[in-house]
N, C-alpha and C. Protein backbone atom coordinates (compact mmCIF):
# COMPACT_ATOMS: atom_id res chain seq x y z
N UNK A 1 43.43 -43.70 67.04
CA UNK A 1 44.79 -43.91 66.44
C UNK A 1 45.65 -42.70 66.52
N UNK A 2 45.18 -41.62 67.20
CA UNK A 2 45.98 -40.47 67.31
C UNK A 2 47.12 -40.68 68.30
N UNK A 3 48.33 -40.21 67.95
CA UNK A 3 49.41 -40.17 68.96
C UNK A 3 49.40 -38.75 69.62
N UNK A 4 49.52 -38.77 70.92
CA UNK A 4 49.38 -37.50 71.64
C UNK A 4 50.64 -36.65 71.53
N UNK A 5 50.42 -35.36 71.80
CA UNK A 5 51.53 -34.43 71.90
C UNK A 5 52.59 -34.80 72.93
N UNK A 6 53.84 -34.69 72.54
CA UNK A 6 54.91 -34.95 73.44
C UNK A 6 55.38 -36.37 73.53
N UNK A 7 54.78 -37.30 72.78
CA UNK A 7 55.10 -38.73 72.86
C UNK A 7 56.30 -39.11 71.91
N UNK A 8 56.49 -38.31 70.87
CA UNK A 8 57.48 -38.60 69.83
C UNK A 8 58.69 -37.75 69.83
N UNK A 9 59.74 -38.26 69.32
CA UNK A 9 61.01 -37.48 69.24
C UNK A 9 61.10 -36.68 67.93
N UNK A 10 61.98 -35.70 67.86
CA UNK A 10 62.08 -34.83 66.70
C UNK A 10 62.34 -35.57 65.43
N UNK A 11 63.17 -36.52 65.32
CA UNK A 11 63.34 -37.23 64.02
C UNK A 11 62.06 -37.88 63.54
N UNK A 12 61.29 -38.52 64.45
CA UNK A 12 60.06 -39.12 64.08
C UNK A 12 59.05 -38.10 63.59
N UNK A 13 58.94 -37.00 64.28
CA UNK A 13 58.02 -35.91 63.87
C UNK A 13 58.43 -35.27 62.60
N UNK A 14 59.68 -35.06 62.36
CA UNK A 14 60.14 -34.53 61.06
C UNK A 14 59.87 -35.46 59.92
N UNK A 15 60.14 -36.74 60.09
CA UNK A 15 59.86 -37.75 59.04
C UNK A 15 58.35 -37.80 58.70
N UNK A 16 57.51 -37.73 59.78
CA UNK A 16 56.10 -37.72 59.50
C UNK A 16 55.63 -36.46 58.75
N UNK A 17 56.19 -35.35 59.07
CA UNK A 17 55.81 -34.13 58.39
C UNK A 17 56.17 -34.18 56.97
N UNK A 18 57.43 -34.69 56.66
CA UNK A 18 57.88 -34.72 55.24
C UNK A 18 57.01 -35.75 54.44
N UNK A 19 56.72 -36.91 55.00
CA UNK A 19 55.96 -37.97 54.40
C UNK A 19 54.52 -37.43 54.13
N UNK A 20 53.94 -36.75 55.11
CA UNK A 20 52.63 -36.22 54.97
C UNK A 20 52.53 -35.12 53.95
N UNK A 21 53.58 -34.22 53.89
CA UNK A 21 53.56 -33.17 52.88
C UNK A 21 53.68 -33.77 51.50
N UNK A 22 54.44 -34.86 51.38
CA UNK A 22 54.55 -35.52 49.96
C UNK A 22 53.22 -36.07 49.55
N UNK A 23 52.57 -36.81 50.51
CA UNK A 23 51.33 -37.43 50.20
C UNK A 23 50.22 -36.43 49.88
N UNK A 24 50.22 -35.33 50.68
CA UNK A 24 49.15 -34.31 50.45
C UNK A 24 49.38 -33.64 49.08
N UNK A 25 50.64 -33.43 48.68
CA UNK A 25 50.93 -32.83 47.40
C UNK A 25 50.47 -33.71 46.25
N UNK A 26 50.75 -34.95 46.33
CA UNK A 26 50.26 -35.89 45.28
C UNK A 26 48.75 -35.96 45.21
N UNK A 27 48.17 -35.95 46.41
CA UNK A 27 46.65 -36.02 46.50
C UNK A 27 46.04 -34.80 45.91
N UNK A 28 46.60 -33.58 46.21
CA UNK A 28 46.03 -32.35 45.69
C UNK A 28 46.20 -32.29 44.17
N UNK A 29 47.22 -32.78 43.67
CA UNK A 29 47.48 -32.78 42.15
C UNK A 29 46.43 -33.67 41.46
N UNK A 30 45.89 -34.65 42.15
CA UNK A 30 44.87 -35.53 41.56
C UNK A 30 43.45 -35.15 41.93
N UNK A 31 43.25 -34.09 42.62
CA UNK A 31 41.89 -33.62 42.97
C UNK A 31 41.43 -32.56 41.99
N UNK A 32 40.45 -32.87 41.18
CA UNK A 32 39.84 -31.97 40.27
C UNK A 32 38.68 -31.29 41.03
N UNK A 33 38.36 -30.13 40.52
CA UNK A 33 37.35 -29.20 41.18
C UNK A 33 35.97 -29.94 41.21
N UNK A 34 35.68 -30.78 40.11
CA UNK A 34 34.42 -31.41 40.11
C UNK A 34 34.27 -32.57 41.11
N UNK A 35 35.42 -33.01 41.66
CA UNK A 35 35.42 -34.05 42.66
C UNK A 35 35.57 -33.57 44.17
N UNK A 36 35.59 -32.25 44.27
CA UNK A 36 35.74 -31.63 45.61
C UNK A 36 34.52 -32.01 46.52
N UNK A 37 33.27 -32.10 46.03
CA UNK A 37 32.19 -32.45 46.89
C UNK A 37 32.37 -33.83 47.53
N UNK A 38 32.77 -34.83 46.73
CA UNK A 38 33.05 -36.15 47.26
C UNK A 38 34.10 -36.17 48.33
N UNK A 39 35.21 -35.46 48.00
CA UNK A 39 36.31 -35.31 48.97
C UNK A 39 35.85 -34.68 50.29
N UNK A 40 35.03 -33.69 50.14
CA UNK A 40 34.49 -32.98 51.30
C UNK A 40 33.63 -33.93 52.15
N UNK A 41 32.83 -34.73 51.42
CA UNK A 41 31.95 -35.64 52.12
C UNK A 41 32.71 -36.68 52.84
N UNK A 42 33.85 -37.21 52.20
CA UNK A 42 34.70 -38.23 52.85
C UNK A 42 35.40 -37.56 54.10
N UNK A 43 35.75 -36.29 53.98
CA UNK A 43 36.44 -35.63 55.13
C UNK A 43 35.47 -35.52 56.24
N UNK A 44 34.20 -35.22 55.96
CA UNK A 44 33.17 -35.10 57.01
C UNK A 44 32.93 -36.53 57.60
N UNK A 45 32.87 -37.57 56.72
CA UNK A 45 32.66 -38.92 57.24
C UNK A 45 33.83 -39.39 58.15
N UNK A 46 35.06 -39.07 57.75
CA UNK A 46 36.18 -39.42 58.53
C UNK A 46 36.14 -38.68 59.89
N UNK A 47 35.80 -37.41 59.79
CA UNK A 47 35.73 -36.56 61.01
C UNK A 47 34.74 -37.05 62.00
N UNK A 48 33.56 -37.34 61.53
CA UNK A 48 32.48 -37.84 62.49
C UNK A 48 32.77 -39.24 62.98
N UNK A 49 33.26 -40.11 62.04
CA UNK A 49 33.45 -41.53 62.33
C UNK A 49 34.46 -41.71 63.44
N UNK A 50 35.41 -40.80 63.54
CA UNK A 50 36.53 -40.91 64.51
C UNK A 50 36.37 -40.07 65.71
N UNK A 51 35.16 -39.48 65.97
CA UNK A 51 34.94 -38.60 67.07
C UNK A 51 34.79 -39.36 68.39
N UNK A 52 34.32 -40.62 68.36
CA UNK A 52 34.10 -41.37 69.56
C UNK A 52 35.43 -42.08 69.91
N UNK A 53 36.01 -41.65 71.05
CA UNK A 53 37.35 -42.06 71.41
C UNK A 53 37.32 -42.81 72.73
N UNK A 54 38.04 -43.90 72.75
CA UNK A 54 38.31 -44.63 74.07
C UNK A 54 39.81 -44.52 74.27
N UNK A 55 40.23 -44.01 75.47
CA UNK A 55 41.66 -43.74 75.73
C UNK A 55 42.42 -45.16 75.75
N UNK A 56 43.64 -45.05 75.23
CA UNK A 56 44.57 -46.23 75.29
C UNK A 56 45.99 -45.72 75.45
N UNK A 57 46.28 -45.18 76.65
CA UNK A 57 47.59 -44.61 76.89
C UNK A 57 47.88 -43.36 76.14
N UNK A 58 48.94 -43.37 75.34
CA UNK A 58 49.30 -42.25 74.54
C UNK A 58 48.53 -42.15 73.27
N UNK A 59 47.66 -43.10 73.04
CA UNK A 59 46.84 -43.11 71.76
C UNK A 59 45.35 -43.25 72.20
N UNK A 60 44.56 -43.58 71.16
CA UNK A 60 43.17 -43.72 71.46
C UNK A 60 42.53 -44.67 70.48
N UNK A 61 41.38 -45.27 70.79
CA UNK A 61 40.71 -46.27 69.93
C UNK A 61 39.45 -45.65 69.40
N UNK A 62 39.25 -45.74 68.09
CA UNK A 62 38.05 -45.19 67.41
C UNK A 62 37.92 -45.70 66.10
N UNK A 63 36.79 -45.62 65.37
CA UNK A 63 36.74 -45.87 63.95
C UNK A 63 37.53 -44.91 63.14
N UNK A 64 38.03 -45.38 62.04
CA UNK A 64 38.95 -44.54 61.24
C UNK A 64 38.34 -44.33 59.81
N UNK A 65 37.87 -45.49 59.23
CA UNK A 65 37.26 -45.46 57.91
C UNK A 65 38.29 -45.02 56.80
N UNK A 66 39.60 -45.25 57.08
CA UNK A 66 40.55 -44.91 56.05
C UNK A 66 40.61 -45.89 54.85
N UNK A 67 40.24 -47.15 55.13
CA UNK A 67 40.11 -48.10 54.00
C UNK A 67 39.10 -47.62 53.01
N UNK A 68 37.96 -47.10 53.50
CA UNK A 68 36.96 -46.58 52.64
C UNK A 68 37.38 -45.40 51.84
N UNK A 69 38.14 -44.46 52.56
CA UNK A 69 38.73 -43.29 51.90
C UNK A 69 39.68 -43.68 50.82
N UNK A 70 40.47 -44.75 51.05
CA UNK A 70 41.40 -45.16 50.06
C UNK A 70 40.74 -45.73 48.82
N UNK A 71 39.72 -46.59 48.93
CA UNK A 71 39.00 -47.13 47.83
C UNK A 71 38.36 -46.04 47.03
N UNK A 72 37.71 -45.06 47.64
CA UNK A 72 36.96 -44.04 46.90
C UNK A 72 37.82 -42.88 46.38
N UNK A 73 39.02 -42.63 47.00
CA UNK A 73 39.80 -41.47 46.65
C UNK A 73 41.19 -41.72 46.27
N UNK A 74 41.80 -42.91 46.60
CA UNK A 74 43.21 -43.10 46.27
C UNK A 74 44.09 -42.08 47.05
N UNK A 75 45.03 -41.47 46.33
CA UNK A 75 45.93 -40.58 46.92
C UNK A 75 45.27 -39.38 47.50
N UNK A 76 44.03 -39.07 47.15
CA UNK A 76 43.35 -37.88 47.69
C UNK A 76 42.97 -38.16 49.11
N UNK A 77 43.07 -39.35 49.59
CA UNK A 77 42.88 -39.67 50.96
C UNK A 77 43.85 -38.87 51.84
N UNK A 78 45.01 -38.60 51.36
CA UNK A 78 45.95 -37.80 52.17
C UNK A 78 45.53 -36.48 52.58
N UNK A 79 45.13 -35.57 51.58
CA UNK A 79 44.59 -34.25 52.02
C UNK A 79 43.33 -34.36 52.80
N UNK A 80 42.46 -35.31 52.46
CA UNK A 80 41.14 -35.48 53.15
C UNK A 80 41.39 -35.86 54.62
N UNK A 81 42.25 -36.81 54.84
CA UNK A 81 42.51 -37.23 56.27
C UNK A 81 43.23 -36.16 57.03
N UNK A 82 44.08 -35.43 56.33
CA UNK A 82 44.80 -34.31 56.99
C UNK A 82 43.86 -33.22 57.46
N UNK A 83 42.88 -32.85 56.64
CA UNK A 83 41.85 -31.89 56.99
C UNK A 83 41.02 -32.40 58.15
N UNK A 84 40.64 -33.71 58.10
CA UNK A 84 39.88 -34.24 59.23
C UNK A 84 40.63 -34.17 60.52
N UNK A 85 41.89 -34.58 60.52
CA UNK A 85 42.73 -34.57 61.73
C UNK A 85 42.92 -33.14 62.20
N UNK A 86 43.15 -32.21 61.30
CA UNK A 86 43.29 -30.81 61.66
C UNK A 86 42.14 -30.29 62.37
N UNK A 87 40.92 -30.55 61.86
CA UNK A 87 39.76 -30.06 62.53
C UNK A 87 39.52 -30.68 63.85
N UNK A 88 39.82 -32.01 63.97
CA UNK A 88 39.70 -32.64 65.26
C UNK A 88 40.65 -32.06 66.31
N UNK A 89 41.88 -31.72 65.88
CA UNK A 89 42.87 -31.09 66.74
C UNK A 89 42.46 -29.66 67.19
N UNK A 90 41.93 -28.86 66.24
CA UNK A 90 41.51 -27.53 66.55
C UNK A 90 40.23 -27.44 67.36
N UNK A 91 39.29 -28.33 67.09
CA UNK A 91 38.01 -28.33 67.79
C UNK A 91 37.95 -29.11 69.08
N UNK A 92 38.71 -30.20 69.17
CA UNK A 92 38.53 -31.08 70.29
C UNK A 92 39.92 -31.40 70.98
N UNK A 93 40.96 -30.96 70.38
CA UNK A 93 42.31 -31.22 70.98
C UNK A 93 42.81 -32.63 70.86
N UNK A 94 42.22 -33.43 69.88
CA UNK A 94 42.72 -34.75 69.62
C UNK A 94 44.08 -34.70 68.93
N UNK A 95 44.98 -35.55 69.41
CA UNK A 95 46.36 -35.55 68.81
C UNK A 95 47.13 -34.32 69.25
N UNK A 96 47.53 -33.50 68.32
CA UNK A 96 48.27 -32.31 68.61
C UNK A 96 48.89 -31.72 67.32
N UNK A 97 49.46 -30.54 67.45
CA UNK A 97 50.08 -29.97 66.21
C UNK A 97 51.38 -30.65 65.78
N UNK A 98 52.26 -30.87 66.71
CA UNK A 98 53.55 -31.51 66.30
C UNK A 98 53.41 -32.92 65.73
N UNK A 99 52.52 -33.81 66.24
CA UNK A 99 52.36 -35.08 65.68
C UNK A 99 51.30 -35.20 64.55
N UNK A 100 50.84 -34.08 64.03
CA UNK A 100 49.86 -34.05 63.01
C UNK A 100 50.37 -34.73 61.77
N UNK A 101 51.60 -34.50 61.35
CA UNK A 101 52.12 -35.19 60.17
C UNK A 101 52.18 -36.71 60.36
N UNK A 102 52.68 -37.05 61.53
CA UNK A 102 52.79 -38.56 61.85
C UNK A 102 51.42 -39.21 61.81
N UNK A 103 50.43 -38.52 62.46
CA UNK A 103 49.09 -39.14 62.55
C UNK A 103 48.48 -39.22 61.14
N UNK A 104 48.78 -38.22 60.25
CA UNK A 104 48.22 -38.24 58.94
C UNK A 104 48.81 -39.43 58.22
N UNK A 105 50.12 -39.62 58.31
CA UNK A 105 50.74 -40.82 57.63
C UNK A 105 50.18 -42.10 58.17
N UNK A 106 50.02 -42.19 59.44
CA UNK A 106 49.49 -43.43 60.08
C UNK A 106 48.16 -43.85 59.51
N UNK A 107 47.32 -42.84 59.22
CA UNK A 107 46.02 -43.13 58.72
C UNK A 107 45.81 -43.12 57.20
N UNK A 108 46.60 -42.19 56.54
CA UNK A 108 46.41 -42.05 55.11
C UNK A 108 47.27 -42.97 54.29
N UNK A 109 48.48 -43.32 54.72
CA UNK A 109 49.35 -44.23 53.93
C UNK A 109 48.65 -45.63 53.81
N UNK A 110 48.09 -46.17 54.88
CA UNK A 110 47.37 -47.46 54.69
C UNK A 110 46.22 -47.34 53.72
N UNK A 111 45.49 -46.20 53.70
CA UNK A 111 44.47 -46.00 52.75
C UNK A 111 44.88 -46.19 51.34
N UNK A 112 46.03 -45.54 51.04
CA UNK A 112 46.56 -45.59 49.64
C UNK A 112 47.04 -47.01 49.30
N UNK A 113 47.76 -47.60 50.31
CA UNK A 113 48.23 -49.00 50.04
C UNK A 113 47.04 -49.97 49.83
N UNK A 114 45.95 -49.80 50.58
CA UNK A 114 44.77 -50.64 50.40
C UNK A 114 44.08 -50.40 49.11
N UNK A 115 44.13 -49.18 48.59
CA UNK A 115 43.56 -48.89 47.27
C UNK A 115 44.30 -49.74 46.21
N UNK A 116 45.68 -49.74 46.28
CA UNK A 116 46.45 -50.54 45.27
C UNK A 116 46.29 -52.04 45.50
N UNK A 117 46.06 -52.47 46.68
CA UNK A 117 45.98 -53.89 46.98
C UNK A 117 44.58 -54.43 46.60
N UNK A 118 43.55 -53.64 47.01
CA UNK A 118 42.11 -54.17 46.88
C UNK A 118 41.14 -53.30 46.10
N UNK A 119 41.53 -52.10 45.72
CA UNK A 119 40.53 -51.14 45.31
C UNK A 119 40.54 -50.87 43.80
N UNK A 120 41.46 -51.45 43.07
CA UNK A 120 41.57 -51.12 41.66
C UNK A 120 40.59 -51.99 40.79
N UNK A 121 39.99 -51.29 39.80
CA UNK A 121 39.14 -51.99 38.80
C UNK A 121 38.09 -52.89 39.53
N UNK A 122 37.42 -52.28 40.50
CA UNK A 122 36.42 -53.06 41.23
C UNK A 122 35.20 -53.38 40.41
N UNK A 123 34.91 -52.54 39.43
CA UNK A 123 33.76 -52.95 38.64
C UNK A 123 33.97 -54.16 37.71
N UNK A 124 35.14 -54.63 37.65
CA UNK A 124 35.42 -55.80 36.90
C UNK A 124 35.13 -57.09 37.68
N UNK A 125 34.85 -56.97 38.92
CA UNK A 125 34.57 -58.08 39.83
C UNK A 125 33.11 -58.28 40.10
N UNK A 126 32.76 -59.42 40.66
CA UNK A 126 31.34 -59.75 41.01
C UNK A 126 31.10 -58.99 42.35
N UNK A 127 29.80 -58.83 42.68
CA UNK A 127 29.34 -58.23 43.85
C UNK A 127 29.95 -58.89 45.04
N UNK A 128 30.08 -60.22 45.14
CA UNK A 128 30.62 -60.83 46.31
C UNK A 128 32.13 -60.63 46.46
N UNK A 129 32.82 -60.60 45.30
CA UNK A 129 34.25 -60.28 45.29
C UNK A 129 34.53 -58.86 45.82
N UNK A 130 33.66 -57.93 45.33
CA UNK A 130 33.77 -56.53 45.75
C UNK A 130 33.51 -56.42 47.28
N UNK A 131 32.60 -57.13 47.83
CA UNK A 131 32.29 -57.13 49.25
C UNK A 131 33.52 -57.59 49.99
N UNK A 132 34.14 -58.64 49.60
CA UNK A 132 35.33 -59.16 50.31
C UNK A 132 36.53 -58.24 50.14
N UNK A 133 36.65 -57.62 49.01
CA UNK A 133 37.79 -56.70 48.78
C UNK A 133 37.50 -55.48 49.74
N UNK A 134 36.31 -55.05 49.82
CA UNK A 134 36.05 -53.94 50.75
C UNK A 134 36.31 -54.27 52.22
N UNK A 135 35.92 -55.52 52.54
CA UNK A 135 36.21 -55.99 53.93
C UNK A 135 37.74 -56.02 54.19
N UNK A 136 38.55 -56.58 53.25
CA UNK A 136 39.98 -56.58 53.43
C UNK A 136 40.57 -55.18 53.42
N UNK A 137 40.08 -54.28 52.59
CA UNK A 137 40.58 -52.93 52.63
C UNK A 137 40.33 -52.27 53.94
N UNK A 138 39.16 -52.40 54.53
CA UNK A 138 38.83 -51.82 55.77
C UNK A 138 39.68 -52.37 56.88
N UNK A 139 39.79 -53.72 56.98
CA UNK A 139 40.51 -54.41 57.99
C UNK A 139 42.05 -54.15 57.85
N UNK A 140 42.57 -54.39 56.73
CA UNK A 140 44.04 -54.27 56.50
C UNK A 140 44.52 -52.80 56.71
N UNK A 141 43.65 -51.79 56.38
CA UNK A 141 44.02 -50.44 56.60
C UNK A 141 44.29 -50.19 58.05
N UNK A 142 43.40 -50.77 58.95
CA UNK A 142 43.56 -50.62 60.35
C UNK A 142 44.85 -51.31 60.86
N UNK A 143 45.07 -52.53 60.38
CA UNK A 143 46.22 -53.30 60.80
C UNK A 143 47.52 -52.58 60.37
N UNK A 144 47.54 -52.08 59.18
CA UNK A 144 48.71 -51.32 58.73
C UNK A 144 48.96 -50.04 59.53
N UNK A 145 47.78 -49.38 59.95
CA UNK A 145 47.92 -48.23 60.74
C UNK A 145 48.48 -48.58 62.15
N UNK A 146 48.10 -49.66 62.67
CA UNK A 146 48.64 -50.14 63.97
C UNK A 146 50.11 -50.34 63.85
N UNK A 147 50.60 -51.00 62.74
CA UNK A 147 52.01 -51.25 62.53
C UNK A 147 52.76 -49.94 62.48
N UNK A 148 52.22 -48.96 61.73
CA UNK A 148 52.85 -47.61 61.60
C UNK A 148 52.91 -46.90 62.96
N UNK A 149 51.79 -46.95 63.66
CA UNK A 149 51.66 -46.25 64.93
C UNK A 149 52.69 -46.86 65.97
N UNK A 150 52.68 -48.23 66.05
CA UNK A 150 53.69 -48.90 66.96
C UNK A 150 55.08 -48.68 66.44
N UNK A 151 55.30 -48.55 65.13
CA UNK A 151 56.62 -48.26 64.64
C UNK A 151 57.15 -46.94 65.05
N UNK A 152 56.23 -45.90 64.96
CA UNK A 152 56.55 -44.51 65.41
C UNK A 152 56.88 -44.51 66.95
N UNK A 153 56.07 -45.21 67.74
CA UNK A 153 56.34 -45.25 69.20
C UNK A 153 57.61 -45.99 69.50
N UNK A 154 57.91 -47.07 68.81
CA UNK A 154 59.12 -47.79 69.05
C UNK A 154 60.36 -46.99 68.67
N UNK A 155 60.28 -46.25 67.54
CA UNK A 155 61.40 -45.41 67.11
C UNK A 155 61.61 -44.31 68.08
N UNK A 156 60.47 -43.79 68.77
CA UNK A 156 60.64 -42.68 69.68
C UNK A 156 61.11 -43.15 71.06
N UNK A 157 60.56 -44.33 71.50
CA UNK A 157 60.81 -44.65 72.85
C UNK A 157 61.39 -46.11 73.11
N UNK A 158 61.49 -46.84 71.95
CA UNK A 158 62.03 -48.19 72.01
C UNK A 158 61.26 -49.04 73.06
N UNK A 159 61.95 -49.68 74.04
CA UNK A 159 61.29 -50.61 74.95
C UNK A 159 60.27 -49.93 75.94
N UNK A 160 60.47 -48.59 76.08
CA UNK A 160 59.56 -47.93 77.08
C UNK A 160 58.14 -48.00 76.61
N UNK A 161 57.77 -48.23 75.34
CA UNK A 161 56.41 -48.22 74.88
C UNK A 161 55.94 -49.64 74.51
N UNK A 162 56.65 -50.67 74.87
CA UNK A 162 56.36 -51.99 74.43
C UNK A 162 54.93 -52.45 74.92
N UNK A 163 54.69 -52.16 76.26
CA UNK A 163 53.37 -52.63 76.81
C UNK A 163 52.28 -51.77 76.21
N UNK A 164 52.53 -50.54 75.92
CA UNK A 164 51.47 -49.73 75.27
C UNK A 164 51.27 -50.20 73.83
N UNK A 165 52.32 -50.58 73.14
CA UNK A 165 52.11 -51.04 71.78
C UNK A 165 51.31 -52.35 71.73
N UNK A 166 51.53 -53.23 72.67
CA UNK A 166 50.76 -54.50 72.72
C UNK A 166 49.33 -54.17 73.05
N UNK A 167 49.10 -53.20 73.90
CA UNK A 167 47.77 -52.86 74.26
C UNK A 167 46.97 -52.28 73.09
N UNK A 168 47.67 -51.41 72.25
CA UNK A 168 46.99 -50.81 71.16
C UNK A 168 46.73 -51.90 70.12
N UNK A 169 47.64 -52.77 69.96
CA UNK A 169 47.41 -53.83 68.94
C UNK A 169 46.20 -54.75 69.26
N UNK A 170 46.14 -55.19 70.49
CA UNK A 170 45.03 -56.05 70.87
C UNK A 170 43.64 -55.24 70.86
N UNK A 171 43.74 -53.94 71.26
CA UNK A 171 42.53 -53.17 71.41
C UNK A 171 41.94 -52.91 69.95
N UNK A 172 42.81 -52.89 68.94
CA UNK A 172 42.29 -52.49 67.64
C UNK A 172 41.86 -53.66 66.86
N UNK A 173 42.06 -54.91 67.26
CA UNK A 173 41.62 -56.07 66.50
C UNK A 173 40.17 -56.06 66.28
N UNK A 174 39.28 -55.88 67.32
CA UNK A 174 37.84 -55.76 67.04
C UNK A 174 37.51 -54.56 66.13
N UNK A 175 38.22 -53.49 66.27
CA UNK A 175 37.97 -52.35 65.38
C UNK A 175 38.25 -52.65 63.92
N UNK A 176 39.27 -53.46 63.68
CA UNK A 176 39.62 -53.93 62.31
C UNK A 176 38.47 -54.67 61.71
N UNK A 177 37.85 -55.54 62.46
CA UNK A 177 36.69 -56.36 61.98
C UNK A 177 35.53 -55.46 61.62
N UNK A 178 35.20 -54.56 62.57
CA UNK A 178 34.06 -53.59 62.42
C UNK A 178 34.36 -52.76 61.19
N UNK A 179 35.53 -52.26 60.99
CA UNK A 179 35.92 -51.36 59.90
C UNK A 179 35.75 -52.17 58.57
N UNK A 180 36.19 -53.46 58.60
CA UNK A 180 36.03 -54.29 57.38
C UNK A 180 34.55 -54.44 56.98
N UNK A 181 33.71 -54.68 57.99
CA UNK A 181 32.30 -54.87 57.73
C UNK A 181 31.66 -53.55 57.22
N UNK A 182 31.97 -52.49 57.82
CA UNK A 182 31.46 -51.16 57.44
C UNK A 182 31.82 -50.80 56.00
N UNK A 183 33.12 -50.98 55.72
CA UNK A 183 33.71 -50.68 54.38
C UNK A 183 33.07 -51.56 53.36
N UNK A 184 33.01 -52.82 53.63
CA UNK A 184 32.43 -53.82 52.68
C UNK A 184 31.04 -53.48 52.32
N UNK A 185 30.22 -53.15 53.40
CA UNK A 185 28.78 -52.82 53.13
C UNK A 185 28.66 -51.62 52.26
N UNK A 186 29.34 -50.57 52.53
CA UNK A 186 29.31 -49.28 51.79
C UNK A 186 29.76 -49.56 50.27
N UNK A 187 30.93 -50.25 50.22
CA UNK A 187 31.45 -50.55 48.82
C UNK A 187 30.46 -51.39 48.04
N UNK A 188 29.89 -52.44 48.67
CA UNK A 188 28.97 -53.26 48.04
C UNK A 188 27.74 -52.44 47.61
N UNK A 189 27.25 -51.57 48.39
CA UNK A 189 26.14 -50.72 48.05
C UNK A 189 26.42 -49.88 46.86
N UNK A 190 27.60 -49.21 46.84
CA UNK A 190 27.92 -48.37 45.73
C UNK A 190 28.14 -49.19 44.48
N UNK A 191 28.62 -50.41 44.57
CA UNK A 191 28.75 -51.23 43.37
C UNK A 191 27.41 -51.47 42.74
N UNK A 192 26.31 -51.50 43.56
CA UNK A 192 24.96 -51.68 42.96
C UNK A 192 24.40 -50.45 42.42
N UNK A 193 24.61 -49.31 43.12
CA UNK A 193 23.83 -48.10 42.75
C UNK A 193 24.66 -47.06 42.06
N UNK A 194 25.95 -46.97 42.30
CA UNK A 194 26.85 -46.03 41.68
C UNK A 194 28.24 -46.52 41.43
N UNK A 195 28.39 -47.49 40.57
CA UNK A 195 29.68 -48.21 40.30
C UNK A 195 30.77 -47.18 39.86
N UNK A 196 30.43 -46.13 39.17
CA UNK A 196 31.44 -45.22 38.70
C UNK A 196 32.28 -44.64 39.84
N UNK A 197 31.75 -44.45 41.02
CA UNK A 197 32.52 -43.97 42.10
C UNK A 197 33.73 -44.89 42.48
N UNK A 198 33.56 -46.15 42.29
CA UNK A 198 34.59 -47.10 42.54
C UNK A 198 35.78 -47.08 41.57
N UNK A 199 35.63 -46.35 40.47
CA UNK A 199 36.76 -46.13 39.51
C UNK A 199 37.36 -44.75 39.57
N UNK A 200 36.85 -43.98 40.65
CA UNK A 200 37.31 -42.58 40.75
C UNK A 200 38.79 -42.42 40.94
N UNK A 201 39.49 -43.32 41.81
CA UNK A 201 40.90 -42.97 42.05
C UNK A 201 41.72 -43.07 40.76
N UNK A 202 41.41 -44.06 39.87
CA UNK A 202 42.10 -44.17 38.60
C UNK A 202 41.86 -42.95 37.75
N UNK A 203 40.65 -42.42 37.75
CA UNK A 203 40.29 -41.25 37.04
C UNK A 203 41.19 -40.06 37.52
N UNK A 204 41.27 -39.94 38.82
CA UNK A 204 41.99 -38.85 39.41
C UNK A 204 43.41 -38.94 39.12
N UNK A 205 43.98 -40.11 39.16
CA UNK A 205 45.41 -40.34 38.85
C UNK A 205 45.75 -39.91 37.41
N UNK A 206 44.83 -40.20 36.51
CA UNK A 206 45.10 -39.77 35.15
C UNK A 206 45.11 -38.29 34.98
N UNK A 207 44.23 -37.60 35.65
CA UNK A 207 44.19 -36.14 35.65
C UNK A 207 45.43 -35.51 36.32
N UNK A 208 46.02 -36.26 37.36
CA UNK A 208 47.17 -35.77 38.06
C UNK A 208 48.40 -35.83 37.23
């Protein structure tokens, strides 16, 4: 879901940088020192999970796990995903420096939205309800990311990227299902063994 260097115009890049900076600031304010290990673990999970890339024009197809980041971290997903993307750019050349802000927003903003839609007060639900909420969080996060990615490409190139936008949309539909299943499985497991982790974003928000 990375947008490559040189694909976007300056207004799109500037907007992405500003939105990314705002999200990272909010996330860092909600990150307490005792929760840094979990944030680091999720950054590593995001980094490893999205290393396997299949090219799709100016973008690429891979697992993202941003829905899981959103459920477990809330707004802290912004700095976590930013760090993961920065490491991927520096170590493997994925994405690029100028679209880093846009790529962060494309993956982190859906994570935060899915937390508010599906990830609040999960311990108040049954295990089956938590499973389906995890599935929706994982799938919807990918769909929202596709919408943001295609919106950025359309703003930058309008009709020139229409075929590419359709390709990315169709290519990521299976990924959305896989992401939903992976997220649901992990969230369901945590509900059984460590339910306190599912209330972490609300705890972080109170501290922020």
